[in-house]
């Protein structure tokens, strides 16, 4: 598979897909991608996963096992998909405060419209913010989720440290992300799909080849499963583990703040 690393080539540059860019520019470039795909985001996930992302998200919610009254934070969750799944799992009359935090206002506008369409008018709040510097008090959340968002963060170590900071003792961090395929042959097939088919489908469906090309590249630059476990431990999270899905096409990582 293509080279995968989260290391910066210098203190002033980082990766944007396979391209090296200024650290200061990456946030704006990532925001530009998601502004471009906001209205097609769910279709994008269907294209990138063949629709299987819905099963992965169901597995994520099963592992989170949200309970009545808990405070939940969903980072990079602009369209509200994970947040609304949590609300539906707990029950609208029992769920605690659920907060979506996203870098891109356009994504949250899509999410707010979806929530209204689903009749969710209270208990769900929206905050524009950066995963590397969350605008929330320390020890304020029972659980933290980030689905298909961590690979877009400039400094993953800072985002993990912030996740630990906002979690209460006994709180848990969950990351659902495209990961490293562990099954022979499937990895070759997935590479061909990601770099040959997906950008063309992005052009056909959303008239946006470049954004889909970036998203495929960003997956390959994301740390493999065990490397992410090491980063989580370095950030102070404990009892870290992961579960592969679809042969490692995606993985869910979990860590506790003790």
Protein backbone atom coordinates (compact mmCIF):
# COMPACT_ATOMS: atom_id res chain seq x y z
CA UNK A 1 0.00 0.00 0.00
CA UNK A 2 1.02 3.64 -0.27
CA UNK A 3 3.29 5.12 2.39
CA UNK A 4 1.49 5.95 5.63
CA UNK A 5 2.90 8.38 8.16
CA UNK A 6 1.83 11.23 10.40
CA UNK A 7 5.31 12.69 10.78
CA UNK A 8 5.94 16.20 9.58
CA UNK A 9 8.89 16.70 7.24
CA UNK A 10 9.80 19.83 9.18
CA UNK A 11 8.44 21.92 12.00
CA UNK A 12 6.65 24.21 9.55
CA UNK A 13 5.08 21.73 7.14
CA UNK A 14 2.66 18.87 7.33
CA UNK A 15 0.82 16.61 4.90
CA UNK A 16 -2.39 17.39 3.06
CA UNK A 17 -3.00 14.04 1.44
CA UNK A 18 0.29 13.29 -0.30
CA UNK A 19 1.15 16.97 -0.64
CA UNK A 20 3.40 18.86 1.77
CA UNK A 21 1.83 22.14 2.89
CA UNK A 22 2.37 24.81 5.52
CA UNK A 23 1.04 23.89 8.95
CA UNK A 24 -0.85 27.18 8.97
CA UNK A 25 -2.48 26.38 5.63
CA UNK A 26 -3.76 22.88 6.39
CA UNK A 27 -6.72 23.91 8.53
CA UNK A 28 -7.99 26.19 5.76
CA UNK A 29 -7.41 23.52 3.10
CA UNK A 30 -9.29 20.90 5.10
CA UNK A 31 -12.13 23.33 5.72
CA UNK A 32 -12.25 24.01 1.99
CA UNK A 33 -12.61 20.30 1.23
CA UNK A 34 -15.54 19.91 3.59
CA UNK A 35 -17.19 23.12 2.46
CA UNK A 36 -17.06 21.63 -1.01
CA UNK A 37 -18.53 18.25 -0.05
CA UNK A 38 -20.90 19.31 2.76
CA UNK A 39 -24.10 18.78 0.82
CA UNK A 40 -22.81 15.47 -0.56
CA UNK A 41 -21.09 14.21 2.59
CA UNK A 42 -23.36 11.22 3.22
CA UNK A 43 -23.11 10.23 -0.42
CA UNK A 44 -19.33 10.58 -0.12
CA UNK A 45 -19.24 8.15 2.81
CA UNK A 46 -21.38 5.73 0.86
CA UNK A 47 -18.97 5.94 -2.07
CA UNK A 48 -15.86 5.57 0.09
CA UNK A 49 -17.19 2.57 2.02
CA UNK A 50 -19.68 1.00 -0.36
CA UNK A 51 -22.39 1.88 2.17
CA UNK A 52 -20.74 -0.23 4.88
CA UNK A 53 -20.01 2.88 6.98
CA UNK A 54 -23.55 2.58 8.32
CA UNK A 55 -22.69 -0.79 9.87
CA UNK A 56 -19.41 0.58 11.26
CA UNK A 57 -21.26 3.48 12.88
CA UNK A 58 -23.78 1.08 14.40
CA UNK A 59 -20.85 -0.88 15.87
CA UNK A 60 -19.41 2.36 17.22
CA UNK A 61 -22.65 3.22 19.02
CA UNK A 62 -22.84 -0.33 20.39
CA UNK A 63 -19.36 0.07 21.89
CA UNK A 64 -20.05 3.56 23.25
CA UNK A 65 -23.24 2.22 24.83
CA UNK A 66 -24.47 5.70 25.79
CA UNK A 67 -26.45 5.98 29.01
CA UNK A 68 -29.18 8.39 30.13
CA UNK A 69 -27.89 11.71 31.43
CA UNK A 70 -24.34 11.37 30.12
CA UNK A 71 -22.65 14.33 28.45
CA UNK A 72 -21.40 13.37 25.01
CA UNK A 73 -19.10 15.22 22.62
CA UNK A 74 -18.88 14.35 18.94
CA UNK A 75 -15.92 16.04 17.26
CA UNK A 76 -15.76 16.54 13.48
CA UNK A 77 -19.38 15.44 13.47
CA UNK A 78 -20.84 18.30 11.47
CA UNK A 79 -23.67 16.45 9.74
CA UNK A 80 -24.90 15.18 13.09
CA UNK A 81 -24.98 11.51 12.10
CA UNK A 82 -23.23 10.12 15.18
CA UNK A 83 -24.89 12.60 17.54
CA UNK A 84 -28.37 11.69 16.31
CA UNK A 85 -27.59 7.99 16.56
CA UNK A 86 -26.65 8.52 20.22
CA UNK A 87 -29.85 10.45 20.88
CA UNK A 88 -31.95 7.75 19.23
CA UNK A 89 -30.14 4.99 21.15
CA UNK A 90 -30.66 6.57 24.58
CA UNK A 91 -34.08 8.06 23.86
CA UNK A 92 -34.95 11.69 23.36
CA UNK A 93 -36.58 11.99 26.78
CA UNK A 94 -33.59 10.45 28.61
CA UNK A 95 -30.50 11.57 26.75
CA UNK A 96 -28.05 13.97 28.38
CA UNK A 97 -26.47 16.94 26.60
CA UNK A 98 -25.01 16.01 23.21
CA UNK A 99 -22.61 18.46 21.59
CA UNK A 100 -21.32 18.47 18.03
CA UNK A 101 -18.04 20.31 17.44
CA UNK A 102 -16.83 20.83 13.87
CA UNK A 103 -14.29 23.02 12.10
CA UNK A 104 -16.60 23.74 9.14
CA UNK A 105 -19.76 25.83 9.62
CA UNK A 106 -21.20 24.57 6.32
CA UNK A 107 -21.12 21.01 7.63
CA UNK A 108 -22.97 22.02 10.79
CA UNK A 109 -25.63 23.82 8.75
CA UNK A 110 -26.30 20.51 7.01
CA UNK A 111 -26.42 18.80 10.39
CA UNK A 112 -28.81 21.32 11.91
CA UNK A 113 -31.17 20.94 8.97
CA UNK A 114 -31.05 17.16 9.34
CA UNK A 115 -31.76 17.39 13.08
CA UNK A 116 -34.78 19.62 12.43
CA UNK A 117 -35.99 17.21 9.76
CA UNK A 118 -35.72 14.40 12.35
CA UNK A 119 -37.66 16.46 14.90
CA UNK A 120 -34.66 16.90 17.22
CA UNK A 121 -35.16 20.41 18.54
CA UNK A 122 -33.50 20.22 21.97
CA UNK A 123 -30.71 18.39 23.74
CA UNK A 124 -28.32 18.82 20.80
CA UNK A 125 -25.95 21.79 20.52
CA UNK A 126 -23.51 22.86 17.82
CA UNK A 127 -20.11 24.51 18.30
CA UNK A 128 -17.59 25.57 15.68
CA UNK A 129 -14.16 24.58 16.96
CA UNK A 130 -10.83 22.88 16.33
CA UNK A 131 -10.11 19.39 17.67
CA UNK A 132 -6.64 20.59 18.67
CA UNK A 133 -8.04 23.32 20.94
CA UNK A 134 -11.53 22.39 22.09
CA UNK A 135 -13.70 25.21 23.50
CA UNK A 136 -14.96 23.10 26.41
CA UNK A 137 -14.03 22.88 30.10
CA UNK A 138 -11.72 20.15 31.37
CA UNK A 139 -13.39 17.02 32.75
CA UNK A 140 -16.78 17.95 31.31
CA UNK A 141 -17.64 15.00 29.02
CA UNK A 142 -18.53 11.37 29.72
CA UNK A 143 -17.67 10.26 26.21
CA UNK A 144 -15.94 11.63 23.12
CA UNK A 145 -16.38 10.32 19.59
CA UNK A 146 -14.69 11.29 16.36
CA UNK A 147 -15.75 9.46 13.19
CA UNK A 148 -13.77 9.88 9.96
CA UNK A 149 -12.29 13.11 11.30
CA UNK A 150 -9.02 12.41 13.10
CA UNK A 151 -7.08 11.85 9.87
CA UNK A 152 -7.84 15.45 8.84
CA UNK A 153 -6.32 16.95 11.99
CA UNK A 154 -2.93 18.63 11.57
CA UNK A 155 -1.50 17.50 14.92
CA UNK A 156 -3.13 14.23 15.97
CA UNK A 157 -1.19 14.18 19.24
CA UNK A 158 -2.71 17.52 20.25
CA UNK A 159 -6.21 16.35 19.39
CA UNK A 160 -5.75 13.23 21.52
CA UNK A 161 -4.45 15.32 24.42
CA UNK A 162 -7.51 17.57 24.12
CA UNK A 163 -9.78 14.54 24.10
CA UNK A 164 -8.25 13.36 27.35
CA UNK A 165 -8.50 16.86 28.86
CA UNK A 166 -12.26 17.25 28.29
CA UNK A 167 -13.14 13.75 29.45
CA UNK A 168 -14.23 13.14 33.02
CA UNK A 169 -12.35 10.48 35.00
CA UNK A 170 -13.89 7.24 33.77
CA UNK A 171 -14.80 8.86 30.45
CA UNK A 172 -13.97 7.17 27.17
CA UNK A 173 -12.53 8.24 23.82
CA UNK A 174 -13.70 6.57 20.60
CA UNK A 175 -12.32 7.00 17.10
CA UNK A 176 -13.88 5.43 14.01
CA UNK A 177 -11.57 5.86 11.06
CA UNK A 178 -10.50 4.32 7.79
CA UNK A 179 -7.42 2.31 8.65
CA UNK A 180 -4.87 -0.21 7.40
CA UNK A 181 -6.28 -3.23 5.57
CA UNK A 182 -4.97 -6.42 7.15
CA UNK A 183 -6.28 -9.00 4.70
CA UNK A 184 -4.07 -10.04 1.76
CA UNK A 185 -5.45 -9.17 -1.68
CA UNK A 186 -8.15 -6.94 -0.13
CA UNK A 187 -5.50 -4.27 0.44
CA UNK A 188 -4.60 -4.27 -3.27
CA UNK A 189 -8.25 -4.15 -4.32
CA UNK A 190 -8.92 -1.31 -1.89
CA UNK A 191 -5.95 0.69 -3.19
CA UNK A 192 -7.19 0.35 -6.76
CA UNK A 193 -10.68 1.39 -5.71
CA UNK A 194 -9.45 4.38 -3.68
CA UNK A 195 -7.11 5.88 -6.26
CA UNK A 196 -8.62 4.82 -9.58
CA UNK A 197 -12.36 4.60 -9.03
CA UNK A 198 -13.22 6.89 -6.11
CA UNK A 199 -11.91 10.18 -7.59
CA UNK A 200 -13.77 9.47 -10.82
CA UNK A 201 -16.96 8.79 -8.89
CA UNK A 202 -16.42 12.04 -6.98
CA UNK A 203 -16.21 13.88 -10.27
CA UNK A 204 -19.32 12.17 -11.59
CA UNK A 205 -21.49 12.49 -8.47
CA UNK A 206 -20.26 15.74 -6.91
CA UNK A 207 -18.29 17.39 -9.73
CA UNK A 208 -15.31 17.42 -7.36
CA UNK A 209 -12.47 15.05 -8.20
CA UNK A 210 -9.84 16.90 -6.14
CA UNK A 211 -11.63 16.62 -2.79
CA UNK A 212 -12.18 12.91 -3.22
CA UNK A 213 -8.56 12.45 -4.28
CA UNK A 214 -7.48 14.19 -1.07
CA UNK A 215 -9.76 12.02 1.05
CA UNK A 216 -8.28 8.85 -0.46
CA UNK A 217 -4.77 10.13 0.14
CA UNK A 218 -5.56 11.21 3.71
CA UNK A 219 -6.61 7.65 4.54
CA UNK A 220 -3.22 6.33 3.45
CA UNK A 221 -1.38 8.90 5.56
CA UNK A 222 -3.28 8.01 8.73
CA UNK A 223 -1.35 5.98 11.34
CA UNK A 224 -1.93 2.21 11.32
CA UNK A 225 -3.92 0.69 14.14
CA UNK A 226 -1.08 -0.11 16.56
CA UNK A 227 0.62 3.23 15.93
CA UNK A 228 -2.57 5.06 16.89
CA UNK A 229 -2.75 2.98 20.07
CA UNK A 230 0.76 4.19 20.94
CA UNK A 231 -0.25 7.80 20.30
CA UNK A 232 -3.33 7.43 22.49
CA UNK A 233 -1.21 6.07 25.33
CA UNK A 234 1.29 8.91 24.92
CA UNK A 235 -1.62 11.35 25.29
CA UNK A 236 -2.49 9.80 28.65
CA UNK A 237 -5.38 7.56 27.64
CA UNK A 238 -5.39 4.12 29.25
CA UNK A 239 -6.77 0.64 28.58
CA UNK A 240 -6.50 1.40 24.86
CA UNK A 241 -7.78 -1.13 22.34
CA UNK A 242 -9.20 -1.35 18.84
CA UNK A 243 -11.50 -3.48 16.73
CA UNK A 244 -11.02 -3.93 12.99
CA UNK A 245 -13.97 -3.88 10.65
CA UNK A 246 -14.16 -5.22 7.09
CA UNK A 247 -10.63 -6.57 7.24
CA UNK A 248 -9.17 -3.33 8.60
CA UNK A 249 -10.72 -1.03 6.00
CA UNK A 250 -11.96 0.72 9.12
CA UNK A 251 -11.13 0.42 12.79
CA UNK A 252 -12.66 1.67 16.02
CA UNK A 253 -10.20 2.69 18.75
CA UNK A 254 -11.15 3.16 22.39
CA UNK A 255 -9.25 4.61 25.34
CA UNK A 256 -10.18 5.57 28.89
CA UNK A 257 -9.38 8.57 31.02
CA UNK A 258 -8.69 7.00 34.40
